[in-house]
């Protein structure tokens, strides 16, 4: 297999590379530290699996996922995140990801997940499979946050976790003004008035 690792932290890429090197089935390992470099390598290379971080410096990982699946639908994408499954996993799978693992579980789960998705199957933990089943059963009555764009959803999660607009802007690599626009949009879409209501909603729905 040829595997492309996309993460903006060199130490994380090094750790994942070391895990992959221990497998005799991985022939080629590539690395990218941002979304634009990931797209360049996907267009120029022949990758069986892309291990893609959700938090990238130039764009949201789910946006990159959507671009990969649009241009190369046959490429399997395994999402990697420091966030627990409940925050982004279902959104990533709906966008075309073949699986989702956290960075904490990567040392023990990475190779099993890569083998699974490379065969065209989904890699789901038991808790994520249950969450997916619950989510499918509730499609007729979708919660308001399901209607948010990826950036609006990311803004919601960051503010709900206690980040200021400045901190959120730093993490998203956007201007404070742009994040403020996302905040205004999500408050309007969800019919919320302020950060306190936003945080209450996030806690109630298991997003924070």
N, C-alpha and C. Protein backbone atom coordinates (compact mmCIF):
# COMPACT_ATOMS: atom_id res chain seq x y z
N UNK A 1 0.83 -1.21 0.00
CA UNK A 1 0.00 0.00 0.00
C UNK A 1 0.86 1.25 0.00
N UNK A 2 0.34 2.30 -0.61
CA UNK A 2 0.95 3.62 -0.55
C UNK A 2 0.09 4.49 0.35
N UNK A 3 0.70 5.08 1.39
CA UNK A 3 -0.05 5.84 2.39
C UNK A 3 0.49 7.26 2.48
N UNK A 4 -0.41 8.23 2.42
CA UNK A 4 -0.04 9.65 2.58
C UNK A 4 -0.50 10.13 3.94
N UNK A 5 0.44 10.69 4.73
CA UNK A 5 0.13 11.23 6.05
C UNK A 5 0.01 12.75 5.95
N UNK A 6 -1.14 13.30 6.39
CA UNK A 6 -1.36 14.74 6.34
C UNK A 6 -1.58 15.26 7.76
N UNK A 7 -0.58 15.96 8.28
CA UNK A 7 -0.66 16.53 9.63
C UNK A 7 0.34 17.66 9.72
N UNK A 8 -0.03 18.75 10.39
CA UNK A 8 0.88 19.91 10.43
C UNK A 8 1.94 19.80 11.51
N UNK A 9 1.92 18.75 12.32
CA UNK A 9 2.94 18.58 13.35
C UNK A 9 3.95 17.51 12.93
N UNK A 10 5.20 17.91 12.78
CA UNK A 10 6.25 16.99 12.31
C UNK A 10 6.38 15.78 13.24
N UNK A 11 6.24 16.01 14.54
CA UNK A 11 6.42 14.91 15.49
C UNK A 11 5.30 13.86 15.34
N UNK A 12 4.09 14.33 15.00
CA UNK A 12 2.98 13.39 14.77
C UNK A 12 3.24 12.59 13.50
N UNK A 13 3.67 13.28 12.44
CA UNK A 13 3.96 12.57 11.18
C UNK A 13 5.06 11.54 11.39
N UNK A 14 6.06 11.90 12.17
CA UNK A 14 7.17 10.98 12.44
C UNK A 14 6.67 9.74 13.19
N UNK A 15 5.80 9.96 14.17
CA UNK A 15 5.27 8.84 14.94
C UNK A 15 4.42 7.91 14.09
N UNK A 16 3.58 8.50 13.23
CA UNK A 16 2.75 7.69 12.34
C UNK A 16 3.60 6.94 11.32
N UNK A 17 4.62 7.62 10.81
CA UNK A 17 5.53 6.97 9.85
C UNK A 17 6.20 5.75 10.48
N UNK A 18 6.60 5.89 11.75
CA UNK A 18 7.26 4.78 12.44
C UNK A 18 6.33 3.57 12.56
N UNK A 19 5.06 3.83 12.86
CA UNK A 19 4.08 2.75 12.95
C UNK A 19 3.92 2.06 11.60
N UNK A 20 3.85 2.87 10.53
CA UNK A 20 3.67 2.32 9.18
C UNK A 20 4.89 1.51 8.73
N UNK A 21 6.08 1.98 9.12
CA UNK A 21 7.31 1.29 8.72
C UNK A 21 7.39 -0.13 9.28
N UNK A 22 6.68 -0.35 10.38
CA UNK A 22 6.70 -1.68 11.00
C UNK A 22 5.83 -2.68 10.25
N UNK A 23 5.04 -2.19 9.30
CA UNK A 23 4.18 -3.08 8.51
C UNK A 23 4.83 -3.39 7.17
N UNK A 24 4.88 -4.65 6.83
CA UNK A 24 5.48 -5.06 5.56
C UNK A 24 4.57 -4.76 4.38
N UNK A 25 3.31 -4.39 4.65
CA UNK A 25 2.36 -4.14 3.57
C UNK A 25 2.42 -2.71 3.05
N UNK A 26 3.09 -1.82 3.77
CA UNK A 26 3.19 -0.42 3.34
C UNK A 26 4.46 -0.24 2.52
N UNK A 27 4.29 0.09 1.24
CA UNK A 27 5.43 0.21 0.34
C UNK A 27 5.99 1.64 0.27
N UNK A 28 5.09 2.62 0.28
CA UNK A 28 5.50 4.00 0.12
C UNK A 28 4.76 4.87 1.11
N UNK A 29 5.48 5.79 1.78
CA UNK A 29 4.88 6.70 2.75
C UNK A 29 5.17 8.13 2.32
N UNK A 30 4.14 8.92 2.17
CA UNK A 30 4.30 10.33 1.83
C UNK A 30 3.86 11.21 2.98
N UNK A 31 4.27 12.47 2.97
CA UNK A 31 3.89 13.39 4.04
C UNK A 31 3.48 14.75 3.47
N UNK A 32 2.51 15.38 4.12
CA UNK A 32 2.09 16.74 3.78
C UNK A 32 1.74 17.44 5.09
N UNK A 33 2.06 18.74 5.17
CA UNK A 33 1.82 19.46 6.42
C UNK A 33 0.67 20.46 6.35
N UNK A 34 -0.05 20.49 5.21
CA UNK A 34 -1.19 21.40 5.08
C UNK A 34 -2.13 20.87 3.99
N UNK A 35 -3.29 21.48 3.89
CA UNK A 35 -4.28 21.03 2.93
C UNK A 35 -3.85 21.18 1.48
N UNK A 36 -3.25 22.32 1.14
CA UNK A 36 -2.85 22.56 -0.25
C UNK A 36 -1.77 21.57 -0.69
N UNK A 37 -0.82 21.26 0.21
CA UNK A 37 0.23 20.29 -0.12
C UNK A 37 -0.37 18.89 -0.24
N UNK A 38 -1.36 18.60 0.59
CA UNK A 38 -2.04 17.30 0.52
C UNK A 38 -2.72 17.13 -0.84
N UNK A 39 -3.41 18.17 -1.29
CA UNK A 39 -4.10 18.10 -2.59
C UNK A 39 -3.10 17.95 -3.73
N UNK A 40 -1.96 18.64 -3.63
CA UNK A 40 -0.94 18.51 -4.68
C UNK A 40 -0.45 17.07 -4.77
N UNK A 41 -0.17 16.47 -3.60
CA UNK A 41 0.33 15.11 -3.60
C UNK A 41 -0.72 14.09 -4.04
N UNK A 42 -1.97 14.35 -3.68
CA UNK A 42 -3.05 13.44 -4.09
C UNK A 42 -3.19 13.47 -5.62
N UNK A 43 -3.05 14.66 -6.19
CA UNK A 43 -3.17 14.79 -7.66
C UNK A 43 -1.99 14.15 -8.39
N UNK A 44 -0.81 14.23 -7.78
CA UNK A 44 0.40 13.76 -8.47
C UNK A 44 0.78 12.32 -8.14
N UNK A 45 0.30 11.80 -7.01
CA UNK A 45 0.70 10.46 -6.58
C UNK A 45 -0.39 9.43 -6.76
N UNK A 46 -0.10 8.24 -6.32
CA UNK A 46 -1.05 7.12 -6.39
C UNK A 46 -1.16 6.54 -4.99
N UNK A 47 -2.09 7.09 -4.19
CA UNK A 47 -2.20 6.74 -2.78
C UNK A 47 -3.40 5.84 -2.55
N UNK A 48 -3.18 4.74 -1.85
CA UNK A 48 -4.28 3.85 -1.49
C UNK A 48 -5.09 4.42 -0.33
N UNK A 49 -4.35 4.98 0.63
CA UNK A 49 -5.00 5.54 1.83
C UNK A 49 -4.36 6.88 2.18
N UNK A 50 -5.20 7.86 2.51
CA UNK A 50 -4.72 9.15 3.03
C UNK A 50 -5.14 9.24 4.49
N UNK A 51 -4.16 9.42 5.38
CA UNK A 51 -4.44 9.63 6.80
C UNK A 51 -4.46 11.14 7.01
N UNK A 52 -5.64 11.69 7.27
CA UNK A 52 -5.86 13.14 7.20
C UNK A 52 -6.27 13.73 8.54
N UNK A 53 -5.49 14.68 9.03
CA UNK A 53 -5.81 15.38 10.27
C UNK A 53 -6.95 16.36 10.02
N UNK A 54 -7.84 16.52 10.98
CA UNK A 54 -8.96 17.46 10.82
C UNK A 54 -8.51 18.90 10.99
N UNK A 55 -7.53 19.15 11.86
CA UNK A 55 -7.08 20.52 12.13
C UNK A 55 -5.79 20.82 11.36
N UNK A 56 -5.94 21.54 10.25
CA UNK A 56 -4.79 21.90 9.42
C UNK A 56 -4.65 23.42 9.39
N UNK A 57 -3.44 23.94 9.13
CA UNK A 57 -3.22 25.37 9.23
C UNK A 57 -3.90 26.21 8.14
N UNK A 58 -4.13 25.64 6.97
CA UNK A 58 -4.68 26.46 5.89
C UNK A 58 -6.16 26.22 5.60
N UNK A 59 -6.69 25.07 5.99
CA UNK A 59 -8.11 24.82 5.79
C UNK A 59 -8.54 23.65 6.67
N UNK A 60 -9.84 23.55 6.89
CA UNK A 60 -10.38 22.48 7.71
C UNK A 60 -10.21 21.14 7.00
N UNK A 61 -9.82 20.11 7.76
CA UNK A 61 -9.57 18.80 7.17
C UNK A 61 -10.77 18.21 6.45
N UNK A 62 -11.98 18.52 6.92
CA UNK A 62 -13.17 17.99 6.25
C UNK A 62 -13.34 18.64 4.88
N UNK A 63 -12.93 19.91 4.75
CA UNK A 63 -12.96 20.56 3.43
C UNK A 63 -11.98 19.84 2.49
N UNK A 64 -10.79 19.51 3.01
CA UNK A 64 -9.79 18.79 2.20
C UNK A 64 -10.34 17.42 1.80
N UNK A 65 -10.98 16.75 2.75
CA UNK A 65 -11.60 15.44 2.48
C UNK A 65 -12.58 15.54 1.31
N UNK A 66 -13.43 16.56 1.33
CA UNK A 66 -14.43 16.72 0.27
C UNK A 66 -13.77 16.92 -1.09
N UNK A 67 -12.67 17.69 -1.11
CA UNK A 67 -11.94 17.92 -2.36
C UNK A 67 -11.31 16.61 -2.87
N UNK A 68 -10.73 15.85 -1.94
CA UNK A 68 -10.11 14.57 -2.33
C UNK A 68 -11.16 13.65 -2.93
N UNK A 69 -12.30 13.51 -2.26
CA UNK A 69 -13.34 12.59 -2.72
C UNK A 69 -13.97 13.06 -4.04
N UNK A 70 -13.99 14.37 -4.26
CA UNK A 70 -14.54 14.89 -5.51
C UNK A 70 -13.62 14.59 -6.68
N UNK A 71 -12.29 14.78 -6.47
CA UNK A 71 -11.33 14.58 -7.55
C UNK A 71 -10.87 13.12 -7.68
N UNK A 72 -10.78 12.42 -6.55
CA UNK A 72 -10.31 11.04 -6.56
C UNK A 72 -11.21 10.19 -5.66
N UNK A 73 -12.42 9.91 -6.11
CA UNK A 73 -13.38 9.20 -5.25
C UNK A 73 -12.92 7.81 -4.81
N UNK A 74 -11.96 7.23 -5.55
CA UNK A 74 -11.49 5.89 -5.19
C UNK A 74 -10.49 5.90 -4.04
N UNK A 75 -9.94 7.07 -3.71
CA UNK A 75 -8.95 7.16 -2.63
C UNK A 75 -9.64 7.04 -1.27
N UNK A 76 -9.13 6.14 -0.43
CA UNK A 76 -9.69 5.96 0.91
C UNK A 76 -9.06 6.98 1.86
N UNK A 77 -9.91 7.63 2.66
CA UNK A 77 -9.42 8.65 3.58
C UNK A 77 -9.77 8.25 5.01
N UNK A 78 -8.73 8.16 5.84
CA UNK A 78 -8.90 7.86 7.26
C UNK A 78 -8.66 9.15 8.04
N UNK A 79 -9.70 9.65 8.71
CA UNK A 79 -9.56 10.91 9.45
C UNK A 79 -8.87 10.67 10.79
N UNK A 80 -8.02 11.62 11.14
CA UNK A 80 -7.25 11.56 12.38
C UNK A 80 -7.51 12.86 13.14
N UNK A 81 -7.77 12.78 14.42
CA UNK A 81 -8.08 14.00 15.16
C UNK A 81 -7.72 13.88 16.63
N UNK A 82 -7.42 15.03 17.23
CA UNK A 82 -7.21 15.07 18.67
C UNK A 82 -8.56 15.14 19.39
N UNK A 83 -9.64 15.38 18.62
CA UNK A 83 -10.97 15.50 19.20
C UNK A 83 -11.62 14.14 19.33
N UNK A 84 -12.44 13.98 20.35
CA UNK A 84 -13.17 12.74 20.54
C UNK A 84 -14.15 12.52 19.38
N UNK A 85 -14.54 11.28 19.18
CA UNK A 85 -15.37 10.92 18.03
C UNK A 85 -16.63 11.76 17.89
N UNK A 86 -17.28 12.06 19.02
CA UNK A 86 -18.57 12.74 18.96
C UNK A 86 -18.54 14.09 18.28
N UNK A 87 -17.38 14.74 18.28
CA UNK A 87 -17.32 16.09 17.73
C UNK A 87 -17.35 16.12 16.20
N UNK A 88 -16.55 15.28 15.56
CA UNK A 88 -16.40 15.39 14.12
C UNK A 88 -16.61 14.10 13.33
N UNK A 89 -16.65 12.97 13.98
CA UNK A 89 -16.63 11.69 13.27
C UNK A 89 -17.80 11.52 12.30
N UNK A 90 -19.02 11.75 12.77
CA UNK A 90 -20.19 11.54 11.92
C UNK A 90 -20.16 12.50 10.73
N UNK A 91 -19.78 13.75 10.99
CA UNK A 91 -19.67 14.74 9.91
C UNK A 91 -18.63 14.29 8.88
N UNK A 92 -17.50 13.76 9.36
CA UNK A 92 -16.45 13.30 8.44
C UNK A 92 -16.91 12.12 7.61
N UNK A 93 -17.59 11.17 8.23
CA UNK A 93 -18.06 9.99 7.50
C UNK A 93 -19.11 10.37 6.46
N UNK A 94 -19.98 11.31 6.80
CA UNK A 94 -20.98 11.77 5.84
C UNK A 94 -20.32 12.47 4.65
N UNK A 95 -19.14 13.06 4.89
CA UNK A 95 -18.43 13.77 3.82
C UNK A 95 -17.60 12.82 2.95
N UNK A 96 -17.56 11.54 3.33
CA UNK A 96 -16.86 10.57 2.48
C UNK A 96 -15.69 9.86 3.11
N UNK A 97 -15.40 10.13 4.39
CA UNK A 97 -14.29 9.44 5.05
C UNK A 97 -14.60 7.95 5.21
N UNK A 98 -13.56 7.13 5.18
CA UNK A 98 -13.74 5.69 5.36
C UNK A 98 -13.60 5.27 6.81
N UNK A 99 -13.11 6.17 7.66
CA UNK A 99 -12.94 5.84 9.07
C UNK A 99 -12.46 7.05 9.84
N UNK A 100 -12.41 6.92 11.17
CA UNK A 100 -12.04 8.04 12.04
C UNK A 100 -11.37 7.46 13.29
N UNK A 101 -10.16 7.93 13.56
CA UNK A 101 -9.49 7.53 14.81
C UNK A 101 -8.94 8.77 15.48
N UNK A 102 -8.79 8.70 16.80
CA UNK A 102 -8.20 9.81 17.53
C UNK A 102 -6.68 9.61 17.61
N UNK A 103 -5.97 10.71 17.84
CA UNK A 103 -4.52 10.61 17.93
C UNK A 103 -4.09 9.77 19.13
N UNK A 104 -4.93 9.80 20.18
CA UNK A 104 -4.61 9.01 21.37
C UNK A 104 -4.65 7.51 21.06
N UNK A 105 -5.58 7.11 20.18
CA UNK A 105 -5.73 5.68 19.89
C UNK A 105 -4.90 5.23 18.69
N UNK A 106 -4.27 6.18 17.98
CA UNK A 106 -3.53 5.85 16.75
C UNK A 106 -2.47 4.75 16.93
N UNK A 107 -1.66 4.80 17.99
CA UNK A 107 -0.63 3.76 18.12
C UNK A 107 -1.18 2.34 18.09
N UNK A 108 -2.36 2.13 18.67
CA UNK A 108 -2.90 0.78 18.73
C UNK A 108 -3.86 0.47 17.58
N UNK A 109 -4.45 1.52 16.96
CA UNK A 109 -5.50 1.28 15.97
C UNK A 109 -5.10 1.59 14.53
N UNK A 110 -4.02 2.33 14.32
CA UNK A 110 -3.71 2.85 12.98
C UNK A 110 -3.64 1.76 11.92
N UNK A 111 -2.84 0.72 12.13
CA UNK A 111 -2.66 -0.29 11.09
C UNK A 111 -3.95 -1.07 10.83
N UNK A 112 -4.69 -1.38 11.89
CA UNK A 112 -5.96 -2.10 11.71
C UNK A 112 -6.93 -1.25 10.89
N UNK A 113 -6.93 0.05 11.20
CA UNK A 113 -7.83 0.96 10.48
C UNK A 113 -7.42 1.08 9.01
N UNK A 114 -6.12 1.20 8.74
CA UNK A 114 -5.64 1.32 7.37
C UNK A 114 -5.94 0.05 6.57
N UNK A 115 -5.70 -1.11 7.16
CA UNK A 115 -6.01 -2.37 6.48
C UNK A 115 -7.50 -2.47 6.15
N UNK A 116 -8.32 -2.03 7.10
CA UNK A 116 -9.77 -2.10 6.91
C UNK A 116 -10.23 -1.20 5.77
N UNK A 117 -9.81 0.07 5.80
CA UNK A 117 -10.29 1.01 4.78
C UNK A 117 -9.68 0.73 3.41
N UNK A 118 -8.46 0.19 3.38
CA UNK A 118 -7.82 -0.11 2.09
C UNK A 118 -8.57 -1.20 1.33
N UNK A 119 -9.34 -2.01 2.06
CA UNK A 119 -10.13 -3.06 1.43
C UNK A 119 -11.53 -2.57 1.05
N UNK A 120 -11.73 -1.26 1.19
CA UNK A 120 -13.02 -0.68 0.81
C UNK A 120 -14.08 -0.74 1.88
N UNK A 121 -13.66 -1.04 3.11
CA UNK A 121 -14.62 -1.13 4.21
C UNK A 121 -14.47 0.07 5.14
N UNK A 122 -15.49 0.33 5.94
CA UNK A 122 -15.44 1.42 6.91
C UNK A 122 -14.75 0.94 8.19
N UNK A 123 -14.02 1.87 8.83
CA UNK A 123 -13.45 1.54 10.14
C UNK A 123 -14.21 2.35 11.19
N UNK A 124 -15.01 1.64 11.98
CA UNK A 124 -15.82 2.28 13.01
C UNK A 124 -15.58 1.61 14.35
N UNK A 125 -15.36 2.40 15.38
CA UNK A 125 -15.32 1.83 16.73
C UNK A 125 -16.77 1.52 17.13
N UNK A 126 -16.94 0.73 18.16
CA UNK A 126 -18.29 0.37 18.60
C UNK A 126 -19.11 1.60 18.97
N UNK A 127 -18.49 2.54 19.70
CA UNK A 127 -19.22 3.74 20.12
C UNK A 127 -19.62 4.60 18.93
N UNK A 128 -18.74 4.65 17.91
CA UNK A 128 -19.05 5.45 16.73
C UNK A 128 -20.15 4.79 15.91
N UNK A 129 -20.12 3.47 15.81
CA UNK A 129 -21.17 2.75 15.08
C UNK A 129 -22.53 2.99 15.73
N UNK A 130 -22.56 3.00 17.05
CA UNK A 130 -23.81 3.25 17.77
C UNK A 130 -24.29 4.68 17.52
N UNK A 131 -23.34 5.62 17.53
CA UNK A 131 -23.69 7.02 17.30
C UNK A 131 -24.23 7.21 15.88
N UNK A 132 -23.62 6.50 14.90
CA UNK A 132 -24.07 6.57 13.52
C UNK A 132 -25.50 6.02 13.40
N UNK A 133 -25.77 4.93 14.08
CA UNK A 133 -27.11 4.33 14.04
C UNK A 133 -28.14 5.28 14.63
N UNK A 134 -27.79 5.90 15.76
CA UNK A 134 -28.70 6.86 16.39
C UNK A 134 -28.93 8.05 15.47
N UNK A 135 -27.85 8.49 14.82
CA UNK A 135 -27.94 9.65 13.94
C UNK A 135 -28.82 9.36 12.73
N UNK A 136 -28.70 8.17 12.16
CA UNK A 136 -29.51 7.79 10.99
C UNK A 136 -30.98 7.71 11.37
N UNK A 137 -31.21 7.21 12.56
CA UNK A 137 -32.60 7.08 13.00
C UNK A 137 -33.25 8.41 13.28
N UNK A 138 -32.44 9.45 13.45
CA UNK A 138 -32.98 10.77 13.80
C UNK A 138 -32.97 11.73 12.62
N UNK A 139 -32.73 11.21 11.41
CA UNK A 139 -32.63 12.10 10.25
C UNK A 139 -33.90 12.91 9.99
N UNK A 140 -35.04 12.36 10.39
CA UNK A 140 -36.29 13.07 10.14
C UNK A 140 -36.41 14.29 11.05
N UNK A 141 -35.64 14.32 12.10
CA UNK A 141 -35.71 15.44 13.07
C UNK A 141 -34.29 15.90 13.37
N UNK A 142 -33.64 16.44 12.36
CA UNK A 142 -32.22 16.78 12.48
C UNK A 142 -32.00 17.94 13.46
N UNK A 143 -31.00 17.82 14.34
CA UNK A 143 -30.68 18.92 15.24
C UNK A 143 -30.14 20.11 14.46
N UNK A 144 -30.30 21.33 14.97
CA UNK A 144 -29.89 22.53 14.24
C UNK A 144 -28.42 22.55 13.81
N UNK A 145 -27.51 21.97 14.62
CA UNK A 145 -26.09 22.05 14.27
C UNK A 145 -25.75 21.24 13.02
N UNK A 146 -26.64 20.33 12.61
CA UNK A 146 -26.40 19.54 11.40
C UNK A 146 -26.45 20.41 10.14
N UNK A 147 -27.11 21.57 10.25
CA UNK A 147 -27.25 22.46 9.09
C UNK A 147 -26.07 23.42 8.93
N UNK A 148 -25.15 23.40 9.89
CA UNK A 148 -24.01 24.33 9.83
C UNK A 148 -22.97 23.88 8.81
N UNK A 149 -22.27 24.86 8.24
CA UNK A 149 -21.14 24.53 7.38
C UNK A 149 -20.01 23.99 8.25
N UNK A 150 -18.98 23.44 7.63
CA UNK A 150 -17.86 22.87 8.40
C UNK A 150 -17.18 23.94 9.25
N UNK A 151 -16.99 25.13 8.68
CA UNK A 151 -16.34 26.22 9.42
C UNK A 151 -17.24 26.72 10.55
N UNK A 152 -18.53 26.82 10.30
CA UNK A 152 -19.45 27.26 11.36
C UNK A 152 -19.48 26.23 12.48
N UNK A 153 -19.47 24.96 12.12
CA UNK A 153 -19.47 23.89 13.12
C UNK A 153 -18.19 23.93 13.95
N UNK A 154 -17.06 24.17 13.28
CA UNK A 154 -15.78 24.26 13.99
C UNK A 154 -15.80 25.45 14.96
N UNK A 155 -16.37 26.56 14.51
CA UNK A 155 -16.48 27.76 15.36
C UNK A 155 -17.34 27.45 16.58
N UNK A 156 -18.45 26.76 16.37
CA UNK A 156 -19.33 26.36 17.47
C UNK A 156 -18.57 25.55 18.51
N UNK A 157 -17.83 24.54 18.06
CA UNK A 157 -17.10 23.66 18.99
C UNK A 157 -16.03 24.41 19.76
N UNK A 158 -15.33 25.32 19.08
CA UNK A 158 -14.25 26.06 19.74
C UNK A 158 -14.79 27.04 20.78
N UNK A 159 -15.85 27.77 20.42
CA UNK A 159 -16.44 28.73 21.38
C UNK A 159 -17.04 27.98 22.57
N UNK A 160 -17.71 26.87 22.28
CA UNK A 160 -18.32 26.08 23.35
C UNK A 160 -17.27 25.49 24.29
N UNK A 161 -16.04 25.29 23.79
CA UNK A 161 -14.98 24.75 24.65
C UNK A 161 -14.29 25.85 25.47
N UNK A 162 -14.78 27.09 25.33
CA UNK A 162 -14.25 28.19 26.13
C UNK A 162 -13.26 29.09 25.42
N UNK A 163 -13.04 28.85 24.13
CA UNK A 163 -12.09 29.68 23.37
C UNK A 163 -12.70 31.06 23.08
N UNK A 164 -11.88 32.09 23.17
CA UNK A 164 -12.31 33.42 22.75
C UNK A 164 -12.29 33.48 21.23
N UNK A 165 -12.85 34.54 20.65
CA UNK A 165 -12.81 34.69 19.20
C UNK A 165 -11.36 34.75 18.70
N UNK A 166 -10.51 35.40 19.48
CA UNK A 166 -9.09 35.51 19.10
C UNK A 166 -8.43 34.13 19.11
N UNK A 167 -8.68 33.35 20.16
CA UNK A 167 -8.11 32.01 20.25
C UNK A 167 -8.64 31.11 19.13
N UNK A 168 -9.94 31.22 18.86
CA UNK A 168 -10.55 30.42 17.79
C UNK A 168 -9.95 30.80 16.45
N UNK A 169 -9.75 32.10 16.24
CA UNK A 169 -9.16 32.58 14.98
C UNK A 169 -7.75 32.04 14.81
N UNK A 170 -6.98 32.02 15.90
CA UNK A 170 -5.61 31.49 15.84
C UNK A 170 -5.63 30.01 15.46
N UNK A 171 -6.52 29.24 16.08
CA UNK A 171 -6.57 27.80 15.82
C UNK A 171 -7.04 27.50 14.40
N UNK A 172 -7.94 28.35 13.88
CA UNK A 172 -8.49 28.12 12.55
C UNK A 172 -7.66 28.81 11.46
N UNK A 173 -6.64 29.57 11.90
CA UNK A 173 -5.79 30.32 10.97
C UNK A 173 -6.62 31.27 10.10
N UNK A 174 -7.55 31.96 10.76
CA UNK A 174 -8.40 32.94 10.10
C UNK A 174 -8.34 34.25 10.88
N UNK A 175 -8.87 35.32 10.30
CA UNK A 175 -8.91 36.59 11.01
C UNK A 175 -10.05 36.55 12.03
N UNK A 176 -9.93 37.38 13.07
CA UNK A 176 -10.98 37.46 14.09
C UNK A 176 -12.29 37.89 13.44
N UNK A 177 -12.20 38.79 12.46
CA UNK A 177 -13.40 39.28 11.76
C UNK A 177 -14.12 38.15 11.06
N UNK A 178 -13.37 37.28 10.41
CA UNK A 178 -13.98 36.15 9.68
C UNK A 178 -14.65 35.18 10.65
N UNK A 179 -13.97 34.88 11.76
CA UNK A 179 -14.57 33.97 12.75
C UNK A 179 -15.82 34.60 13.36
N UNK A 180 -15.80 35.93 13.54
CA UNK A 180 -16.96 36.63 14.06
C UNK A 180 -18.16 36.49 13.12
N UNK A 181 -17.88 36.50 11.81
CA UNK A 181 -18.94 36.30 10.82
C UNK A 181 -19.52 34.89 10.95
N UNK A 182 -18.63 33.88 11.10
CA UNK A 182 -19.09 32.50 11.27
C UNK A 182 -19.95 32.38 12.53
N UNK A 183 -19.52 33.07 13.59
CA UNK A 183 -20.27 33.03 14.86
C UNK A 183 -21.66 33.63 14.65
N UNK A 184 -21.74 34.75 13.97
CA UNK A 184 -23.03 35.40 13.73
C UNK A 184 -23.95 34.51 12.91
N UNK A 185 -23.37 33.86 11.90
CA UNK A 185 -24.17 32.98 11.04
C UNK A 185 -24.73 31.80 11.82
N UNK A 186 -23.86 31.18 12.63
CA UNK A 186 -24.32 29.98 13.34
C UNK A 186 -25.36 30.34 14.41
N UNK A 187 -25.20 31.50 15.05
CA UNK A 187 -26.20 31.93 16.03
C UNK A 187 -27.54 32.14 15.35
N UNK A 188 -27.49 32.74 14.14
CA UNK A 188 -28.72 32.99 13.40
C UNK A 188 -29.38 31.68 12.95
N UNK A 189 -28.58 30.77 12.40
CA UNK A 189 -29.11 29.50 11.92
C UNK A 189 -29.73 28.68 13.05
N UNK A 190 -29.10 28.76 14.24
CA UNK A 190 -29.54 27.92 15.35
C UNK A 190 -30.50 28.65 16.29
N UNK A 191 -30.80 29.92 15.92
CA UNK A 191 -31.72 30.74 16.72
C UNK A 191 -31.25 30.88 18.18
N UNK A 192 -29.94 31.15 18.32
CA UNK A 192 -29.35 31.38 19.63
C UNK A 192 -28.95 32.85 19.74
N UNK A 193 -28.88 33.35 20.97
CA UNK A 193 -28.64 34.79 21.15
C UNK A 193 -27.20 35.13 21.49
N UNK A 194 -26.50 34.25 22.21
CA UNK A 194 -25.16 34.60 22.68
C UNK A 194 -24.33 33.34 22.94
N UNK A 195 -23.08 33.58 23.40
CA UNK A 195 -22.18 32.45 23.66
C UNK A 195 -22.67 31.53 24.77
N UNK A 196 -23.37 32.11 25.74
CA UNK A 196 -23.87 31.29 26.86
C UNK A 196 -24.89 30.28 26.35
N UNK A 197 -25.82 30.73 25.50
CA UNK A 197 -26.81 29.82 24.92
C UNK A 197 -26.14 28.81 24.01
N UNK A 198 -25.15 29.27 23.27
CA UNK A 198 -24.39 28.39 22.37
C UNK A 198 -23.72 27.27 23.16
N UNK A 199 -23.07 27.65 24.25
CA UNK A 199 -22.36 26.67 25.08
C UNK A 199 -23.34 25.69 25.73
N UNK A 200 -24.47 26.21 26.18
CA UNK A 200 -25.50 25.35 26.79
C UNK A 200 -25.98 24.33 25.76
N UNK A 201 -26.23 24.79 24.54
CA UNK A 201 -26.69 23.89 23.47
C UNK A 201 -25.63 22.81 23.20
N UNK A 202 -24.35 23.23 23.12
CA UNK A 202 -23.28 22.29 22.81
C UNK A 202 -23.15 21.21 23.88
N UNK A 203 -23.26 21.61 25.15
CA UNK A 203 -23.16 20.65 26.26
C UNK A 203 -24.37 19.69 26.22
N UNK A 204 -25.55 20.25 25.99
CA UNK A 204 -26.77 19.45 25.96
C UNK A 204 -26.74 18.40 24.85
N UNK A 205 -26.08 18.75 23.74
CA UNK A 205 -26.05 17.85 22.58
C UNK A 205 -24.73 17.08 22.46
N UNK A 206 -23.92 17.12 23.53
CA UNK A 206 -22.70 16.33 23.56
C UNK A 206 -21.60 16.82 22.63
N UNK A 207 -21.61 18.12 22.33
CA UNK A 207 -20.60 18.69 21.43
C UNK A 207 -19.48 19.36 22.19
N UNK A 208 -19.58 19.44 23.50
CA UNK A 208 -18.53 20.10 24.30
C UNK A 208 -18.36 19.35 25.62
